[in-house]
Amino acid sequence: MIKLDIINEVVTKTGITKTKAELAVETVFESMKKALAKSDRIELRGFGVFNVRPRKTGIGRNPRTGAEVNIPPGKAVRFKPGKELQSIE
């Protein structure tokens, strides 16, 4: 499923215009990005939880030369599915 599929689903379920549905979906995604950029936790009941966790520093290898490369610490977005999403068969 891609973003266009979500927009089309909103149009079919609500009957609003495609431009308004696109604006609504884009607004939701932008607000989620902003919240995650501030390291806020996003909890969608019945769906799951998005949060930002620190990523440890590490050592990688350049596949071409085999030289070791230091990987700096960073942040990674994690998703934990809710109970209803986990029980999908």
PDB file of N, CA and C in Angstrom:
ATOM      1  N   MET A   1       0.853  -1.181   0.000  1.00  0.00           N
ATOM      2  CA  MET A   1       0.000   0.000   0.000  1.00  0.00           C
ATOM      3  C   MET A   1       0.892   1.236   0.000  1.00  0.00           C
ATOM      4  N   ILE A   2       0.532   2.206  -0.818  1.00  0.00           N
ATOM      5  CA  ILE A   2       1.271   3.455  -0.873  1.00  0.00           C
ATOM      6  C   ILE A   2       0.361   4.600  -0.440  1.00  0.00           C
ATOM      7  N   LYS A   3       0.933   5.797  -0.338  1.00  0.00           N
ATOM      8  CA  LYS A   3       0.175   6.938   0.152  1.00  0.00           C
ATOM      9  C   LYS A   3      -1.053   7.211  -0.724  1.00  0.00           C
ATOM     10  N   LEU A   4      -0.918   7.028  -2.024  1.00  0.00           N
ATOM     11  CA  LEU A   4      -2.047   7.252  -2.936  1.00  0.00           C
ATOM     12  C   LEU A   4      -3.207   6.306  -2.626  1.00  0.00           C
ATOM     13  N   ASP A   5      -2.888   5.069  -2.233  1.00  0.00           N
ATOM     14  CA  ASP A   5      -3.936   4.119  -1.850  1.00  0.00           C
ATOM     15  C   ASP A   5      -4.687   4.604  -0.611  1.00  0.00           C
ATOM     16  N   ILE A   6      -3.963   5.172   0.330  1.00  0.00           N
ATOM     17  CA  ILE A   6      -4.593   5.706   1.541  1.00  0.00           C
ATOM     18  C   ILE A   6      -5.501   6.878   1.179  1.00  0.00           C
ATOM     19  N   ILE A   7      -5.018   7.754   0.305  1.00  0.00           N
ATOM     20  CA  ILE A   7      -5.817   8.907  -0.123  1.00  0.00           C
ATOM     21  C   ILE A   7      -7.088   8.437  -0.819  1.00  0.00           C
ATOM     22  N   ASN A   8      -6.969   7.468  -1.704  1.00  0.00           N
ATOM     23  CA  ASN A   8      -8.141   6.948  -2.410  1.00  0.00           C
ATOM     24  C   ASN A   8      -9.134   6.296  -1.448  1.00  0.00           C
ATOM     25  N   GLU A   9      -8.637   5.636  -0.426  1.00  0.00           N
ATOM     26  CA  GLU A   9      -9.504   5.012   0.577  1.00  0.00           C
ATOM     27  C   GLU A   9     -10.269   6.082   1.355  1.00  0.00           C
ATOM     28  N   VAL A  10      -9.602   7.185   1.696  1.00  0.00           N
ATOM     29  CA  VAL A  10     -10.269   8.287   2.392  1.00  0.00           C
ATOM     30  C   VAL A  10     -11.361   8.880   1.505  1.00  0.00           C
ATOM     31  N   VAL A  11     -11.066   9.029   0.220  1.00  0.00           N
ATOM     32  CA  VAL A  11     -12.067   9.567  -0.710  1.00  0.00           C
ATOM     33  C   VAL A  11     -13.289   8.662  -0.772  1.00  0.00           C
ATOM     34  N   THR A  12     -13.080   7.352  -0.884  1.00  0.00           N
ATOM     35  CA  THR A  12     -14.212   6.427  -0.991  1.00  0.00           C
ATOM     36  C   THR A  12     -15.020   6.352   0.304  1.00  0.00           C
ATOM     37  N   LYS A  13     -14.339   6.359   1.430  1.00  0.00           N
ATOM     38  CA  LYS A  13     -15.053   6.220   2.712  1.00  0.00           C
ATOM     39  C   LYS A  13     -15.810   7.493   3.096  1.00  0.00           C
ATOM     40  N   THR A  14     -15.230   8.677   2.785  1.00  0.00           N
ATOM     41  CA  THR A  14     -15.829   9.919   3.263  1.00  0.00           C
ATOM     42  C   THR A  14     -16.599  10.686   2.201  1.00  0.00           C
ATOM     43  N   GLY A  15     -16.243  10.488   0.934  1.00  0.00           N
ATOM     44  CA  GLY A  15     -16.919  11.215  -0.135  1.00  0.00           C
ATOM     45  C   GLY A  15     -16.388  12.618  -0.353  1.00  0.00           C
ATOM     46  N   ILE A  16     -15.297  12.994   0.312  1.00  0.00           N
ATOM     47  CA  ILE A  16     -14.718  14.323   0.087  1.00  0.00           C
ATOM     48  C   ILE A  16     -13.889  14.300  -1.197  1.00  0.00           C
ATOM     49  N   THR A  17     -13.494  15.472  -1.647  1.00  0.00           N
ATOM     50  CA  THR A  17     -12.724  15.550  -2.886  1.00  0.00           C
ATOM     51  C   THR A  17     -11.326  14.978  -2.680  1.00  0.00           C
ATOM     52  N   LYS A  18     -10.718  14.601  -3.787  1.00  0.00           N
ATOM     53  CA  LYS A  18      -9.386  13.996  -3.713  1.00  0.00           C
ATOM     54  C   LYS A  18      -8.352  15.000  -3.198  1.00  0.00           C
ATOM     55  N   THR A  19      -8.480  16.270  -3.559  1.00  0.00           N
ATOM     56  CA  THR A  19      -7.509  17.280  -3.092  1.00  0.00           C
ATOM     57  C   THR A  19      -7.617  17.472  -1.585  1.00  0.00           C
ATOM     58  N   LYS A  20      -8.839  17.466  -1.057  1.00  0.00           N
ATOM     59  CA  LYS A  20      -9.014  17.613   0.397  1.00  0.00           C
ATOM     60  C   LYS A  20      -8.496  16.372   1.125  1.00  0.00           C
ATOM     61  N   ALA A  21      -8.747  15.201   0.561  1.00  0.00           N
ATOM     62  CA  ALA A  21      -8.253  13.972   1.179  1.00  0.00           C
ATOM     63  C   ALA A  21      -6.730  13.948   1.170  1.00  0.00           C
ATOM     64  N   GLU A  22      -6.140  14.398   0.060  1.00  0.00           N
ATOM     65  CA  GLU A  22      -4.682  14.445  -0.029  1.00  0.00           C
ATOM     66  C   GLU A  22      -4.107  15.407   1.003  1.00  0.00           C
ATOM     67  N   LEU A  23      -4.753  16.549   1.168  1.00  0.00           N
ATOM     68  CA  LEU A  23      -4.316  17.524   2.165  1.00  0.00           C
ATOM     69  C   LEU A  23      -4.430  16.946   3.575  1.00  0.00           C
ATOM     70  N   ALA A  24      -5.513  16.239   3.844  1.00  0.00           N
ATOM     71  CA  ALA A  24      -5.721  15.650   5.173  1.00  0.00           C
ATOM     72  C   ALA A  24      -4.657  14.602   5.477  1.00  0.00           C
ATOM     73  N   VAL A  25      -4.405  13.704   4.535  1.00  0.00           N
ATOM     74  CA  VAL A  25      -3.411  12.646   4.744  1.00  0.00           C
ATOM     75  C   VAL A  25      -2.023  13.255   4.900  1.00  0.00           C
ATOM     76  N   GLU A  26      -1.711  14.226   4.053  1.00  0.00           N
ATOM     77  CA  GLU A  26      -0.402  14.884   4.123  1.00  0.00           C
ATOM     78  C   GLU A  26      -0.228  15.607   5.455  1.00  0.00           C
ATOM     79  N   THR A  27      -1.297  16.221   5.957  1.00  0.00           N
ATOM     80  CA  THR A  27      -1.245  16.921   7.247  1.00  0.00           C
ATOM     81  C   THR A  27      -0.976  15.943   8.387  1.00  0.00           C
ATOM     82  N   VAL A  28      -1.620  14.798   8.348  1.00  0.00           N
ATOM     83  CA  VAL A  28      -1.400  13.782   9.382  1.00  0.00           C
ATOM     84  C   VAL A  28       0.054  13.328   9.375  1.00  0.00           C
ATOM     85  N   PHE A  29       0.579  13.018   8.187  1.00  0.00           N
ATOM     86  CA  PHE A  29       1.961  12.549   8.099  1.00  0.00           C
ATOM     87  C   PHE A  29       2.957  13.625   8.527  1.00  0.00           C
ATOM     88  N   GLU A  30       2.715  14.870   8.136  1.00  0.00           N
ATOM     89  CA  GLU A  30       3.616  15.958   8.522  1.00  0.00           C
ATOM     90  C   GLU A  30       3.616  16.171  10.035  1.00  0.00           C
ATOM     91  N   SER A  31       2.426  16.098  10.651  1.00  0.00           N
ATOM     92  CA  SER A  31       2.371  16.282  12.103  1.00  0.00           C
ATOM     93  C   SER A  31       3.073  15.130  12.819  1.00  0.00           C
ATOM     94  N   MET A  32       2.993  13.917  12.260  1.00  0.00           N
ATOM     95  CA  MET A  32       3.702  12.783  12.852  1.00  0.00           C
ATOM     96  C   MET A  32       5.218  12.982  12.731  1.00  0.00           C
ATOM     97  N   LYS A  33       5.671  13.462  11.569  1.00  0.00           N
ATOM     98  CA  LYS A  33       7.105  13.714  11.378  1.00  0.00           C
ATOM     99  C   LYS A  33       7.617  14.757  12.361  1.00  0.00           C
ATOM    100  N   LYS A  34       6.841  15.841  12.543  1.00  0.00           N
ATOM    101  CA  LYS A  34       7.249  16.901  13.468  1.00  0.00           C
ATOM    102  C   LYS A  34       7.332  16.378  14.902  1.00  0.00           C
ATOM    103  N   ALA A  35       6.351  15.566  15.288  1.00  0.00           N
ATOM    104  CA  ALA A  35       6.344  15.014  16.652  1.00  0.00           C
ATOM    105  C   ALA A  35       7.548  14.102  16.859  1.00  0.00           C
ATOM    106  N   LEU A  36       7.860  13.264  15.875  1.00  0.00           N
ATOM    107  CA  LEU A  36       9.010  12.368  16.002  1.00  0.00           C
ATOM    108  C   LEU A  36      10.323  13.150  15.984  1.00  0.00           C
ATOM    109  N   ALA A  37      10.364  14.247  15.242  1.00  0.00           N
ATOM    110  CA  ALA A  37      11.575  15.081  15.219  1.00  0.00           C
ATOM    111  C   ALA A  37      11.833  15.691  16.595  1.00  0.00           C
ATOM    112  N   LYS A  38      10.759  15.937  17.363  1.00  0.00           N
ATOM    113  CA  LYS A  38      10.903  16.461  18.727  1.00  0.00           C
ATOM    114  C   LYS A  38      11.057  15.336  19.745  1.00  0.00           C
ATOM    115  N   SER A  39      11.205  14.099  19.262  1.00  0.00           N
ATOM    116  CA  SER A  39      11.327  12.905  20.104  1.00  0.00           C
ATOM    117  C   SER A  39      10.078  12.635  20.925  1.00  0.00           C
ATOM    118  N   ASP A  40       8.929  13.089  20.446  1.00  0.00           N
ATOM    119  CA  ASP A  40       7.655  12.782  21.100  1.00  0.00           C
ATOM    120  C   ASP A  40       7.232  11.366  20.748  1.00  0.00           C
ATOM    121  N   ARG A  41       6.388  10.809  21.573  1.00  0.00           N
ATOM    122  CA  ARG A  41       5.846   9.465  21.368  1.00  0.00           C
ATOM    123  C   ARG A  41       4.479   9.602  20.708  1.00  0.00           C
ATOM    124  N   ILE A  42       4.211   8.796  19.700  1.00  0.00           N
ATOM    125  CA  ILE A  42       2.916   8.814  19.019  1.00  0.00           C
ATOM    126  C   ILE A  42       2.221   7.500  19.317  1.00  0.00           C
ATOM    127  N   GLU A  43       1.079   7.590  19.978  1.00  0.00           N
ATOM    128  CA  GLU A  43       0.323   6.386  20.331  1.00  0.00           C
ATOM    129  C   GLU A  43      -1.015   6.414  19.615  1.00  0.00           C
ATOM    130  N   LEU A  44      -1.244   5.427  18.758  1.00  0.00           N
ATOM    131  CA  LEU A  44      -2.507   5.293  18.043  1.00  0.00           C
ATOM    132  C   LEU A  44      -3.189   4.038  18.569  1.00  0.00           C
ATOM    133  N   ARG A  45      -4.186   4.227  19.413  1.00  0.00           N
ATOM    134  CA  ARG A  45      -4.854   3.093  20.069  1.00  0.00           C
ATOM    135  C   ARG A  45      -5.363   2.092  19.043  1.00  0.00           C
ATOM    136  N   GLY A  46      -5.089   0.824  19.274  1.00  0.00           N
ATOM    137  CA  GLY A  46      -5.521  -0.227  18.379  1.00  0.00           C
ATOM    138  C   GLY A  46      -4.599  -0.424  17.188  1.00  0.00           C
ATOM    139  N   PHE A  47      -3.661   0.487  16.986  1.00  0.00           N
ATOM    140  CA  PHE A  47      -2.738   0.364  15.851  1.00  0.00           C
ATOM    141  C   PHE A  47      -1.315   0.120  16.343  1.00  0.00           C
ATOM    142  N   GLY A  48      -0.780   1.060  17.126  1.00  0.00           N
ATOM    143  CA  GLY A  48       0.570   0.871  17.642  1.00  0.00           C
ATOM    144  C   GLY A  48       1.176   2.161  18.161  1.00  0.00           C
ATOM    145  N   VAL A  49       2.460   2.078  18.496  1.00  0.00           N
ATOM    146  CA  VAL A  49       3.185   3.198  19.078  1.00  0.00           C
ATOM    147  C   VAL A  49       4.456   3.450  18.275  1.00  0.00           C
ATOM    148  N   PHE A  50       4.650   4.713  17.899  1.00  0.00           N
ATOM    149  CA  PHE A  50       5.891   5.144  17.267  1.00  0.00           C
ATOM    150  C   PHE A  50       6.687   5.915  18.309  1.00  0.00           C
ATOM    151  N   ASN A  51       7.977   5.641  18.415  1.00  0.00           N
ATOM    152  CA  ASN A  51       8.831   6.447  19.283  1.00  0.00           C
ATOM    153  C   ASN A  51      10.245   6.489  18.722  1.00  0.00           C
ATOM    154  N   VAL A  52      11.015   7.436  19.227  1.00  0.00           N
ATOM    155  CA  VAL A  52      12.389   7.619  18.764  1.00  0.00           C
ATOM    156  C   VAL A  52      13.321   7.104  19.850  1.00  0.00           C
ATOM    157  N   ARG A  53      14.233   6.250  19.444  1.00  0.00           N
ATOM    158  CA  ARG A  53      15.202   5.697  20.400  1.00  0.00           C
ATOM    159  C   ARG A  53      16.607   6.018  19.933  1.00  0.00           C
ATOM    160  N   PRO A  54      17.517   6.193  20.885  1.00  0.00           N
ATOM    161  CA  PRO A  54      18.909   6.435  20.487  1.00  0.00           C
ATOM    162  C   PRO A  54      19.534   5.173  19.898  1.00  0.00           C
ATOM    163  N   ARG A  55      20.384   5.377  18.934  1.00  0.00           N
ATOM    164  CA  ARG A  55      21.091   4.264  18.308  1.00  0.00           C
ATOM    165  C   ARG A  55      22.545   4.341  18.739  1.00  0.00           C
ATOM    166  N   LYS A  56      23.084   3.204  19.147  1.00  0.00           N
ATOM    167  CA  LYS A  56      24.457   3.174  19.647  1.00  0.00           C
ATOM    168  C   LYS A  56      25.457   3.419  18.524  1.00  0.00           C
ATOM    169  N   THR A  57      26.626   3.856  18.933  1.00  0.00           N
ATOM    170  CA  THR A  57      27.726   3.997  17.985  1.00  0.00           C
ATOM    171  C   THR A  57      28.210   2.603  17.606  1.00  0.00           C
ATOM    172  N   GLY A  58      28.768   2.489  16.442  1.00  0.00           N
ATOM    173  CA  GLY A  58      29.203   1.168  16.014  1.00  0.00           C
ATOM    174  C   GLY A  58      30.380   1.243  15.068  1.00  0.00           C
ATOM    175  N   ILE A  59      30.822   0.093  14.655  1.00  0.00           N
ATOM    176  CA  ILE A  59      31.929   0.005  13.708  1.00  0.00           C
ATOM    177  C   ILE A  59      31.425  -0.785  12.504  1.00  0.00           C
ATOM    178  N   GLY A  60      31.558  -0.172  11.336  1.00  0.00           N
ATOM    179  CA  GLY A  60      31.158  -0.834  10.103  1.00  0.00           C
ATOM    180  C   GLY A  60      32.377  -1.074   9.235  1.00  0.00           C
ATOM    181  N   ARG A  61      32.171  -1.683   8.094  1.00  0.00           N
ATOM    182  CA  ARG A  61      33.267  -1.944   7.163  1.00  0.00           C
ATOM    183  C   ARG A  61      32.908  -1.420   5.787  1.00  0.00           C
ATOM    184  N   ASN A  62      33.903  -0.826   5.142  1.00  0.00           N
ATOM    185  CA  ASN A  62      33.752  -0.434   3.755  1.00  0.00           C
ATOM    186  C   ASN A  62      33.866  -1.710   2.935  1.00  0.00           C
ATOM    187  N   PRO A  63      32.814  -2.100   2.200  1.00  0.00           N
ATOM    188  CA  PRO A  63      32.856  -3.377   1.487  1.00  0.00           C
ATOM    189  C   PRO A  63      33.910  -3.422   0.384  1.00  0.00           C
ATOM    190  N   ARG A  64      34.273  -2.279  -0.145  1.00  0.00           N
ATOM    191  CA  ARG A  64      35.244  -2.236  -1.227  1.00  0.00           C
ATOM    192  C   ARG A  64      36.673  -2.419  -0.727  1.00  0.00           C
ATOM    193  N   THR A  65      37.006  -1.688   0.351  1.00  0.00           N
ATOM    194  CA  THR A  65      38.387  -1.733   0.849  1.00  0.00           C
ATOM    195  C   THR A  65      38.553  -2.618   2.075  1.00  0.00           C
ATOM    196  N   GLY A  66      37.468  -2.873   2.780  1.00  0.00           N
ATOM    197  CA  GLY A  66      37.562  -3.662   4.006  1.00  0.00           C
ATOM    198  C   GLY A  66      37.978  -2.831   5.206  1.00  0.00           C
ATOM    199  N   ALA A  67      38.161  -1.522   5.008  1.00  0.00           N
ATOM    200  CA  ALA A  67      38.585  -0.642   6.102  1.00  0.00           C
ATOM    201  C   ALA A  67      37.436  -0.425   7.081  1.00  0.00           C
ATOM    202  N   GLU A  68      37.788  -0.327   8.360  1.00  0.00           N
ATOM    203  CA  GLU A  68      36.768  -0.085   9.379  1.00  0.00           C
ATOM    204  C   GLU A  68      36.334   1.375   9.342  1.00  0.00           C
ATOM    205  N   VAL A  69      35.036   1.584   9.574  1.00  0.00           N
ATOM    206  CA  VAL A  69      34.463   2.923   9.567  1.00  0.00           C
ATOM    207  C   VAL A  69      33.659   3.085  10.844  1.00  0.00           C
ATOM    208  N   ASN A  70      33.887   4.192  11.554  1.00  0.00           N
ATOM    209  CA  ASN A  70      33.106   4.465  12.760  1.00  0.00           C
ATOM    210  C   ASN A  70      31.735   4.983  12.359  1.00  0.00           C
ATOM    211  N   ILE A  71      30.685   4.404  12.941  1.00  0.00           N
ATOM    212  CA  ILE A  71      29.324   4.846  12.703  1.00  0.00           C
ATOM    213  C   ILE A  71      28.905   5.668  13.911  1.00  0.00           C
ATOM    214  N   PRO A  72      28.591   6.953  13.719  1.00  0.00           N
ATOM    215  CA  PRO A  72      28.260   7.816  14.857  1.00  0.00           C
ATOM    216  C   PRO A  72      26.916   7.442  15.472  1.00  0.00           C
ATOM    217  N   PRO A  73      26.724   7.770  16.752  1.00  0.00           N
ATOM    218  CA  PRO A  73      25.432   7.496  17.373  1.00  0.00           C
ATOM    219  C   PRO A  73      24.362   8.362  16.715  1.00  0.00           C
ATOM    220  N   GLY A  74      23.151   7.897  16.736  1.00  0.00           N
ATOM    221  CA  GLY A  74      22.061   8.637  16.110  1.00  0.00           C
ATOM    222  C   GLY A  74      20.745   8.275  16.744  1.00  0.00           C
ATOM    223  N   LYS A  75      19.682   8.541  16.015  1.00  0.00           N
ATOM    224  CA  LYS A  75      18.343   8.231  16.503  1.00  0.00           C
ATOM    225  C   LYS A  75      17.644   7.402  15.446  1.00  0.00           C
ATOM    226  N   ALA A  76      16.761   6.514  15.883  1.00  0.00           N
ATOM    227  CA  ALA A  76      16.005   5.671  14.966  1.00  0.00           C
ATOM    228  C   ALA A  76      14.553   5.622  15.419  1.00  0.00           C
ATOM    229  N   VAL A  77      13.652   5.652  14.455  1.00  0.00           N
ATOM    230  CA  VAL A  77      12.219   5.558  14.754  1.00  0.00           C
ATOM    231  C   VAL A  77      11.869   4.079  14.892  1.00  0.00           C
ATOM    232  N   ARG A  78      11.179   3.750  15.960  1.00  0.00           N
ATOM    233  CA  ARG A  78      10.746   2.377  16.210  1.00  0.00           C
ATOM    234  C   ARG A  78       9.225   2.332  16.231  1.00  0.00           C
ATOM    235  N   PHE A  79       8.675   1.201  15.819  1.00  0.00           N
ATOM    236  CA  PHE A  79       7.228   1.008  15.830  1.00  0.00           C
ATOM    237  C   PHE A  79       6.924  -0.282  16.565  1.00  0.00           C
ATOM    238  N   LYS A  80       6.013  -0.194  17.513  1.00  0.00           N
ATOM    239  CA  LYS A  80       5.562  -1.378  18.229  1.00  0.00           C
ATOM    240  C   LYS A  80       4.076  -1.529  17.953  1.00  0.00           C
ATOM    241  N   PRO A  81       3.679  -2.610  17.274  1.00  0.00           N
ATOM    242  CA  PRO A  81       2.264  -2.772  16.943  1.00  0.00           C
ATOM    243  C   PRO A  81       1.410  -3.006  18.179  1.00  0.00           C
ATOM    244  N   GLY A  82       0.160  -2.537  18.120  1.00  0.00           N
ATOM    245  CA  GLY A  82      -0.792  -2.738  19.207  1.00  0.00           C
ATOM    246  C   GLY A  82      -1.358  -4.150  19.179  1.00  0.00           C
ATOM    247  N   LYS A  83      -2.128  -4.489  20.197  1.00  0.00           N
ATOM    248  CA  LYS A  83      -2.688  -5.843  20.315  1.00  0.00           C
ATOM    249  C   LYS A  83      -3.564  -6.203  19.120  1.00  0.00           C
ATOM    250  N   GLU A  84      -4.404  -5.267  18.694  1.00  0.00           N
ATOM    251  CA  GLU A  84      -5.308  -5.559  17.576  1.00  0.00           C
ATOM    252  C   GLU A  84      -4.536  -5.810  16.279  1.00  0.00           C
ATOM    253  N   LEU A  85      -3.455  -5.080  16.073  1.00  0.00           N
ATOM    254  CA  LEU A  85      -2.659  -5.251  14.868  1.00  0.00           C
ATOM    255  C   LEU A  85      -1.852  -6.550  14.920  1.00  0.00           C
ATOM    256  N   GLN A  86      -1.433  -6.940  16.095  1.00  0.00           N
ATOM    257  CA  GLN A  86      -0.666  -8.181  16.236  1.00  0.00           C
ATOM    258  C   GLN A  86      -1.524  -9.410  16.007  1.00  0.00           C
ATOM    259  N   SER A  87      -2.823  -9.302  16.274  1.00  0.00           N
ATOM    260  CA  SER A  87      -3.681 -10.471  16.186  1.00  0.00           C
ATOM    261  C   SER A  87      -4.269 -10.681  14.783  1.00  0.00           C
ATOM    262  N   ILE A  88      -3.743  -9.989  13.787  1.00  0.00           N
ATOM    263  CA  ILE A  88      -4.222 -10.156  12.404  1.00  0.00           C
ATOM    264  C   ILE A  88      -3.806 -11.520  11.892  1.00  0.00           C
ATOM    265  N   GLU A  89      -4.737 -12.209  11.287  1.00  0.00           N
ATOM    266  CA  GLU A  89      -4.434 -13.559  10.757  1.00  0.00           C
ATOM    267  C   GLU A  89      -4.506 -13.572   9.264  1.00  0.00           C
TER     268      GLU A  89
END
